[in-house]
Amino acid sequence: MPTLSIWFVRTAFSYLVLGFTFGALMLANKGVPFAATLWRLRPAHIELLTIGWVVQLALGVAYWILPRFWEGPARGNTTGAYLAYGLLNGGIWLVALSTWLGLSPGLQLAGRLAEAGAALSFAWHIWPRIVGREG
């Protein structure tokens, strides 16, 4: 498995653990109320599990499993994939922290734009690997 795929998958599992921890805290608080402010974790919980866990795992597996080139470097120019990793994780943290801490909505927008940039960057990297040699 390539190094970048390992990083994608490990980071996805860390988001899974963090998202489940937030969910467990909210669920425990629902049964025995001990901190009313825990419900502010709900948007971060959703962000960590949907984008952080599901999307990141899918990108890591896609980078690993999609066909490789026969000539030249096996995965082509990997700049787009590394950029996608950075943008995706930066976007996740911006969105999660801005919703949890009640920061400026502009930070949430910046996080969503970073996540969209990650999707475009990954598509730019992966496109030559999924299009046939004839075009």
N, C-alpha and C. Protein backbone atom coordinates (compact mmCIF):
# COMPACT_ATOMS: atom_id res chain seq x y z
N MET A 1 0.85 -1.17 0.00
CA MET A 1 0.00 0.00 0.00
C MET A 1 0.90 1.25 0.00
N PRO A 2 0.62 2.22 -0.86
CA PRO A 2 1.44 3.43 -0.90
C PRO A 2 1.35 4.24 0.39
N THR A 3 2.38 5.01 0.66
CA THR A 3 2.47 5.79 1.89
C THR A 3 1.29 6.75 2.04
N LEU A 4 0.90 7.43 0.96
CA LEU A 4 -0.21 8.38 1.06
C LEU A 4 -1.51 7.67 1.40
N SER A 5 -1.74 6.49 0.86
CA SER A 5 -2.93 5.73 1.22
C SER A 5 -2.93 5.37 2.70
N ILE A 6 -1.77 5.01 3.20
CA ILE A 6 -1.66 4.69 4.62
C ILE A 6 -2.04 5.91 5.46
N TRP A 7 -1.56 7.09 5.05
CA TRP A 7 -1.89 8.31 5.80
C TRP A 7 -3.38 8.62 5.71
N PHE A 8 -3.96 8.48 4.53
CA PHE A 8 -5.41 8.70 4.38
C PHE A 8 -6.19 7.77 5.31
N VAL A 9 -5.86 6.50 5.31
CA VAL A 9 -6.60 5.51 6.08
C VAL A 9 -6.39 5.70 7.59
N ARG A 10 -5.17 5.96 8.00
CA ARG A 10 -4.91 6.17 9.43
C ARG A 10 -5.63 7.42 9.93
N THR A 11 -5.59 8.47 9.13
CA THR A 11 -6.28 9.70 9.53
C THR A 11 -7.78 9.47 9.58
N ALA A 12 -8.31 8.70 8.64
CA ALA A 12 -9.74 8.38 8.65
C ALA A 12 -10.11 7.64 9.92
N PHE A 13 -9.30 6.68 10.34
CA PHE A 13 -9.60 5.95 11.57
C PHE A 13 -9.50 6.85 12.80
N SER A 14 -8.58 7.80 12.79
CA SER A 14 -8.51 8.73 13.93
C SER A 14 -9.76 9.61 13.99
N TYR A 15 -10.28 10.02 12.84
CA TYR A 15 -11.54 10.77 12.82
C TYR A 15 -12.71 9.90 13.28
N LEU A 16 -12.68 8.62 12.95
CA LEU A 16 -13.72 7.71 13.42
C LEU A 16 -13.73 7.64 14.94
N VAL A 17 -12.56 7.48 15.54
CA VAL A 17 -12.46 7.39 17.00
C VAL A 17 -12.92 8.71 17.64
N LEU A 18 -12.46 9.83 17.10
CA LEU A 18 -12.84 11.13 17.66
C LEU A 18 -14.34 11.38 17.50
N GLY A 19 -14.88 11.05 16.33
CA GLY A 19 -16.31 11.23 16.09
C GLY A 19 -17.15 10.34 16.99
N PHE A 20 -16.74 9.09 17.19
CA PHE A 20 -17.47 8.20 18.10
C PHE A 20 -17.36 8.68 19.55
N THR A 21 -16.23 9.24 19.91
CA THR A 21 -16.07 9.78 21.26
C THR A 21 -17.04 10.94 21.49
N PHE A 22 -17.13 11.84 20.52
CA PHE A 22 -18.08 12.94 20.64
C PHE A 22 -19.51 12.40 20.73
N GLY A 23 -19.83 11.42 19.91
CA GLY A 23 -21.16 10.82 19.94
C GLY A 23 -21.45 10.14 21.27
N ALA A 24 -20.47 9.45 21.83
CA ALA A 24 -20.66 8.77 23.11
C ALA A 24 -20.88 9.79 24.23
N LEU A 25 -20.13 10.88 24.20
CA LEU A 25 -20.33 11.93 25.20
C LEU A 25 -21.73 12.52 25.12
N MET A 26 -22.20 12.78 23.92
CA MET A 26 -23.55 13.33 23.76
C MET A 26 -24.61 12.33 24.20
N LEU A 27 -24.40 11.06 23.88
CA LEU A 27 -25.36 10.04 24.28
C LEU A 27 -25.40 9.85 25.79
N ALA A 28 -24.23 9.85 26.42
CA ALA A 28 -24.18 9.74 27.88
C ALA A 28 -24.84 10.95 28.53
N ASN A 29 -24.63 12.12 27.94
CA ASN A 29 -25.24 13.34 28.46
C ASN A 29 -26.76 13.31 28.30
N LYS A 30 -27.23 12.60 27.31
CA LYS A 30 -28.68 12.49 27.12
C LYS A 30 -29.30 11.62 28.23
N GLY A 31 -28.60 10.59 28.66
CA GLY A 31 -29.11 9.71 29.71
C GLY A 31 -28.98 10.33 31.09
N VAL A 32 -27.80 10.85 31.41
CA VAL A 32 -27.53 11.50 32.69
C VAL A 32 -26.94 12.87 32.39
N PRO A 33 -27.76 13.90 32.36
CA PRO A 33 -27.26 15.23 31.98
C PRO A 33 -26.16 15.73 32.93
N PHE A 34 -25.01 16.04 32.36
CA PHE A 34 -23.91 16.57 33.16
C PHE A 34 -23.30 17.81 32.55
N ALA A 35 -23.55 18.07 31.26
CA ALA A 35 -23.02 19.28 30.62
C ALA A 35 -23.90 19.61 29.42
N ALA A 36 -24.69 20.65 29.56
CA ALA A 36 -25.60 21.03 28.47
C ALA A 36 -24.86 21.52 27.23
N THR A 37 -23.64 21.97 27.42
CA THR A 37 -22.88 22.50 26.28
C THR A 37 -22.36 21.39 25.36
N LEU A 38 -22.47 20.13 25.77
CA LEU A 38 -22.00 19.03 24.91
C LEU A 38 -22.76 18.95 23.61
N TRP A 39 -23.98 19.47 23.56
CA TRP A 39 -24.75 19.41 22.32
C TRP A 39 -24.14 20.29 21.24
N ARG A 40 -23.23 21.17 21.61
CA ARG A 40 -22.52 21.97 20.60
C ARG A 40 -21.54 21.12 19.81
N LEU A 41 -21.28 19.91 20.27
CA LEU A 41 -20.39 18.99 19.55
C LEU A 41 -21.07 18.33 18.36
N ARG A 42 -22.39 18.43 18.28
CA ARG A 42 -23.13 17.69 17.25
C ARG A 42 -22.66 18.00 15.82
N PRO A 43 -22.52 19.28 15.41
CA PRO A 43 -22.04 19.53 14.04
C PRO A 43 -20.62 19.00 13.80
N ALA A 44 -19.76 19.13 14.82
CA ALA A 44 -18.40 18.59 14.67
C ALA A 44 -18.43 17.07 14.58
N HIS A 45 -19.30 16.44 15.36
CA HIS A 45 -19.47 14.98 15.32
C HIS A 45 -19.88 14.53 13.91
N ILE A 46 -20.83 15.23 13.33
CA ILE A 46 -21.29 14.88 11.98
C ILE A 46 -20.18 15.10 10.95
N GLU A 47 -19.46 16.21 11.07
CA GLU A 47 -18.37 16.52 10.14
C GLU A 47 -17.27 15.48 10.21
N LEU A 48 -16.89 15.11 11.43
CA LEU A 48 -15.79 14.15 11.60
C LEU A 48 -16.16 12.78 11.04
N LEU A 49 -17.41 12.38 11.21
CA LEU A 49 -17.78 11.04 10.75
C LEU A 49 -18.10 11.00 9.26
N THR A 50 -18.71 12.03 8.70
CA THR A 50 -19.06 11.96 7.28
C THR A 50 -17.88 12.32 6.39
N ILE A 51 -17.28 13.47 6.62
CA ILE A 51 -16.17 13.90 5.77
C ILE A 51 -14.86 13.27 6.24
N GLY A 52 -14.62 13.34 7.55
CA GLY A 52 -13.36 12.83 8.08
C GLY A 52 -13.20 11.34 7.95
N TRP A 53 -14.23 10.58 8.24
CA TRP A 53 -14.13 9.13 8.19
C TRP A 53 -14.46 8.60 6.81
N VAL A 54 -15.65 8.85 6.32
CA VAL A 54 -16.12 8.21 5.08
C VAL A 54 -15.36 8.71 3.86
N VAL A 55 -15.30 10.02 3.68
CA VAL A 55 -14.66 10.57 2.47
C VAL A 55 -13.16 10.29 2.49
N GLN A 56 -12.53 10.50 3.63
CA GLN A 56 -11.08 10.28 3.70
C GLN A 56 -10.72 8.81 3.45
N LEU A 57 -11.50 7.89 3.98
CA LEU A 57 -11.25 6.48 3.74
C LEU A 57 -11.44 6.15 2.26
N ALA A 58 -12.48 6.70 1.65
CA ALA A 58 -12.73 6.46 0.23
C ALA A 58 -11.58 6.99 -0.64
N LEU A 59 -11.07 8.17 -0.32
CA LEU A 59 -9.96 8.72 -1.10
C LEU A 59 -8.69 7.88 -0.93
N GLY A 60 -8.44 7.42 0.29
CA GLY A 60 -7.26 6.59 0.52
C GLY A 60 -7.32 5.27 -0.23
N VAL A 61 -8.46 4.64 -0.22
CA VAL A 61 -8.61 3.38 -0.94
C VAL A 61 -8.58 3.61 -2.45
N ALA A 62 -9.18 4.69 -2.92
CA ALA A 62 -9.15 5.01 -4.35
C ALA A 62 -7.72 5.25 -4.83
N TYR A 63 -6.94 5.98 -4.05
CA TYR A 63 -5.55 6.24 -4.43
C TYR A 63 -4.77 4.93 -4.51
N TRP A 64 -5.07 4.02 -3.62
CA TRP A 64 -4.34 2.75 -3.58
C TRP A 64 -4.77 1.82 -4.70
N ILE A 65 -6.08 1.72 -4.96
CA ILE A 65 -6.59 0.63 -5.77
C ILE A 65 -6.77 0.95 -7.26
N LEU A 66 -6.89 2.23 -7.60
CA LEU A 66 -7.10 2.55 -9.02
C LEU A 66 -5.89 2.14 -9.84
N PRO A 67 -6.09 1.84 -11.12
CA PRO A 67 -5.00 1.32 -11.95
C PRO A 67 -3.79 2.25 -11.98
N ARG A 68 -2.64 1.62 -12.09
CA ARG A 68 -1.39 2.36 -12.18
C ARG A 68 -0.94 2.42 -13.63
N PHE A 69 -0.05 3.36 -13.90
CA PHE A 69 0.52 3.48 -15.24
C PHE A 69 1.57 2.40 -15.44
N TRP A 70 1.70 1.95 -16.68
CA TRP A 70 2.72 0.93 -16.98
C TRP A 70 4.07 1.56 -17.20
N GLU A 71 4.10 2.75 -17.78
CA GLU A 71 5.37 3.42 -18.02
C GLU A 71 5.44 4.67 -17.15
N GLY A 72 6.65 5.06 -16.75
CA GLY A 72 6.81 6.22 -15.89
C GLY A 72 6.49 5.88 -14.44
N PRO A 73 6.34 6.92 -13.63
CA PRO A 73 5.98 6.65 -12.23
C PRO A 73 4.62 5.96 -12.14
N ALA A 74 4.50 5.02 -11.25
CA ALA A 74 3.32 4.16 -11.18
C ALA A 74 2.03 4.95 -10.95
N ARG A 75 2.07 6.00 -10.18
CA ARG A 75 0.87 6.76 -9.86
C ARG A 75 0.87 8.14 -10.50
N GLY A 76 1.80 8.41 -11.37
CA GLY A 76 1.84 9.70 -12.04
C GLY A 76 2.31 10.80 -11.10
N ASN A 77 1.94 12.03 -11.42
CA ASN A 77 2.29 13.18 -10.59
C ASN A 77 1.39 13.17 -9.35
N THR A 78 1.98 12.99 -8.18
CA THR A 78 1.20 12.84 -6.95
C THR A 78 0.92 14.15 -6.24
N THR A 79 1.30 15.27 -6.83
CA THR A 79 1.10 16.56 -6.18
C THR A 79 -0.37 16.80 -5.85
N GLY A 80 -1.26 16.49 -6.77
CA GLY A 80 -2.68 16.70 -6.54
C GLY A 80 -3.22 15.87 -5.39
N ALA A 81 -2.74 14.65 -5.24
CA ALA A 81 -3.20 13.78 -4.16
C ALA A 81 -2.72 14.30 -2.80
N TYR A 82 -1.46 14.72 -2.73
CA TYR A 82 -0.95 15.28 -1.48
C TYR A 82 -1.64 16.59 -1.13
N LEU A 83 -1.91 17.40 -2.14
CA LEU A 83 -2.65 18.65 -1.92
C LEU A 83 -4.07 18.35 -1.42
N ALA A 84 -4.69 17.33 -1.99
CA ALA A 84 -6.04 16.93 -1.55
C ALA A 84 -6.02 16.50 -0.08
N TYR A 85 -5.01 15.77 0.33
CA TYR A 85 -4.90 15.34 1.73
C TYR A 85 -4.82 16.55 2.66
N GLY A 86 -3.97 17.50 2.32
CA GLY A 86 -3.82 18.69 3.15
C GLY A 86 -5.07 19.55 3.18
N LEU A 87 -5.66 19.79 2.00
CA LEU A 87 -6.86 20.62 1.94
C LEU A 87 -8.04 19.97 2.67
N LEU A 88 -8.19 18.66 2.50
CA LEU A 88 -9.31 17.97 3.14
C LEU A 88 -9.20 18.06 4.66
N ASN A 89 -8.04 17.77 5.20
CA ASN A 89 -7.88 17.80 6.65
C ASN A 89 -7.96 19.22 7.20
N GLY A 90 -7.40 20.18 6.49
CA GLY A 90 -7.54 21.57 6.92
C GLY A 90 -8.99 22.01 6.90
N GLY A 91 -9.73 21.61 5.87
CA GLY A 91 -11.14 21.95 5.79
C GLY A 91 -11.96 21.31 6.88
N ILE A 92 -11.67 20.06 7.19
CA ILE A 92 -12.39 19.37 8.26
C ILE A 92 -12.21 20.09 9.58
N TRP A 93 -10.97 20.45 9.90
CA TRP A 93 -10.70 21.13 11.17
C TRP A 93 -11.33 22.51 11.21
N LEU A 94 -11.27 23.24 10.10
CA LEU A 94 -11.91 24.56 10.07
C LEU A 94 -13.41 24.47 10.32
N VAL A 95 -14.07 23.55 9.64
CA VAL A 95 -15.52 23.41 9.80
C VAL A 95 -15.86 22.91 11.20
N ALA A 96 -15.16 21.90 11.68
CA ALA A 96 -15.47 21.33 12.99
C ALA A 96 -15.25 22.34 14.11
N LEU A 97 -14.14 23.04 14.08
CA LEU A 97 -13.85 24.00 15.14
C LEU A 97 -14.74 25.23 15.07
N SER A 98 -15.05 25.69 13.85
CA SER A 98 -15.89 26.88 13.75
C SER A 98 -17.31 26.61 14.21
N THR A 99 -17.83 25.41 13.97
CA THR A 99 -19.18 25.09 14.45
C THR A 99 -19.18 24.79 15.95
N TRP A 100 -18.16 24.11 16.44
CA TRP A 100 -18.10 23.73 17.84
C TRP A 100 -17.90 24.96 18.74
N LEU A 101 -16.99 25.83 18.35
CA LEU A 101 -16.66 26.98 19.18
C LEU A 101 -17.50 28.21 18.86
N GLY A 102 -18.37 28.11 17.87
CA GLY A 102 -19.23 29.23 17.51
C GLY A 102 -18.45 30.38 16.89
N LEU A 103 -17.44 30.06 16.11
CA LEU A 103 -16.62 31.10 15.48
C LEU A 103 -17.32 31.65 14.24
N SER A 104 -16.65 32.52 13.55
CA SER A 104 -17.20 33.20 12.40
C SER A 104 -17.69 32.21 11.33
N PRO A 105 -18.87 32.48 10.74
CA PRO A 105 -19.33 31.62 9.64
C PRO A 105 -18.39 31.65 8.44
N GLY A 106 -17.57 32.69 8.34
CA GLY A 106 -16.59 32.75 7.27
C GLY A 106 -15.57 31.63 7.35
N LEU A 107 -15.24 31.21 8.58
CA LEU A 107 -14.31 30.09 8.75
C LEU A 107 -14.93 28.78 8.28
N GLN A 108 -16.23 28.63 8.53
CA GLN A 108 -16.92 27.44 8.04
C GLN A 108 -16.95 27.43 6.52
N LEU A 109 -17.19 28.59 5.93
CA LEU A 109 -17.17 28.69 4.47
C LEU A 109 -15.78 28.38 3.92
N ALA A 110 -14.75 28.89 4.58
CA ALA A 110 -13.37 28.61 4.14
C ALA A 110 -13.09 27.11 4.23
N GLY A 111 -13.58 26.46 5.28
CA GLY A 111 -13.40 25.02 5.41
C GLY A 111 -14.11 24.25 4.32
N ARG A 112 -15.33 24.65 4.00
CA ARG A 112 -16.07 23.98 2.92
C ARG A 112 -15.37 24.19 1.57
N LEU A 113 -14.84 25.39 1.35
CA LEU A 113 -14.11 25.64 0.11
C LEU A 113 -12.83 24.81 0.04
N ALA A 114 -12.17 24.64 1.17
CA ALA A 114 -10.98 23.78 1.21
C ALA A 114 -11.34 22.33 0.90
N GLU A 115 -12.48 21.87 1.42
CA GLU A 115 -12.92 20.51 1.12
C GLU A 115 -13.27 20.34 -0.35
N ALA A 116 -13.91 21.36 -0.93
CA ALA A 116 -14.21 21.31 -2.36
C ALA A 116 -12.93 21.34 -3.18
N GLY A 117 -11.97 22.14 -2.73
CA GLY A 117 -10.67 22.18 -3.40
C GLY A 117 -9.96 20.84 -3.33
N ALA A 118 -10.12 20.14 -2.21
CA ALA A 118 -9.54 18.80 -2.07
C ALA A 118 -10.16 17.84 -3.07
N ALA A 119 -11.47 17.92 -3.24
CA ALA A 119 -12.14 17.04 -4.20
C ALA A 119 -11.66 17.32 -5.62
N LEU A 120 -11.54 18.59 -5.96
CA LEU A 120 -11.06 18.95 -7.31
C LEU A 120 -9.60 18.54 -7.51
N SER A 121 -8.79 18.74 -6.48
CA SER A 121 -7.39 18.37 -6.57
C SER A 121 -7.21 16.85 -6.73
N PHE A 122 -7.99 16.09 -5.99
CA PHE A 122 -7.91 14.63 -6.11
C PHE A 122 -8.41 14.17 -7.47
N ALA A 123 -9.47 14.80 -7.96
CA ALA A 123 -9.99 14.45 -9.29
C ALA A 123 -8.95 14.78 -10.37
N TRP A 124 -8.26 15.90 -10.21
CA TRP A 124 -7.21 16.29 -11.16
C TRP A 124 -6.09 15.25 -11.16
N HIS A 125 -5.75 14.75 -9.98
CA HIS A 125 -4.70 13.73 -9.90
C HIS A 125 -5.15 12.39 -10.50
N ILE A 126 -6.36 11.98 -10.18
CA ILE A 126 -6.80 10.63 -10.51
C ILE A 126 -7.31 10.50 -11.94
N TRP A 127 -7.70 11.60 -12.57
CA TRP A 127 -8.32 11.54 -13.89
C TRP A 127 -7.48 10.79 -14.93
N PRO A 128 -6.19 11.04 -15.08
CA PRO A 128 -5.42 10.29 -16.09
C PRO A 128 -5.38 8.78 -15.82
N ARG A 129 -5.58 8.37 -14.58
CA ARG A 129 -5.53 6.95 -14.25
C ARG A 129 -6.84 6.24 -14.57
N ILE A 130 -7.96 6.97 -14.73
CA ILE A 130 -9.22 6.31 -15.00
C ILE A 130 -9.69 6.50 -16.44
N VAL A 131 -9.09 7.42 -17.18
CA VAL A 131 -9.44 7.62 -18.58
C VAL A 131 -8.57 6.69 -19.41
N GLY A 132 -9.17 6.04 -20.40
CA GLY A 132 -8.43 5.13 -21.24
C GLY A 132 -7.33 5.82 -22.03
N ARG A 133 -6.43 5.04 -22.58
CA ARG A 133 -5.30 5.59 -23.34
C ARG A 133 -5.76 6.30 -24.60
N GLU A 134 -6.94 5.93 -25.10
CA GLU A 134 -7.44 6.53 -26.32
C GLU A 134 -8.12 7.88 -26.04
N GLY A 135 -8.37 8.21 -24.81
CA GLY A 135 -9.00 9.49 -24.46
C GLY A 135 -10.29 9.25 -23.86
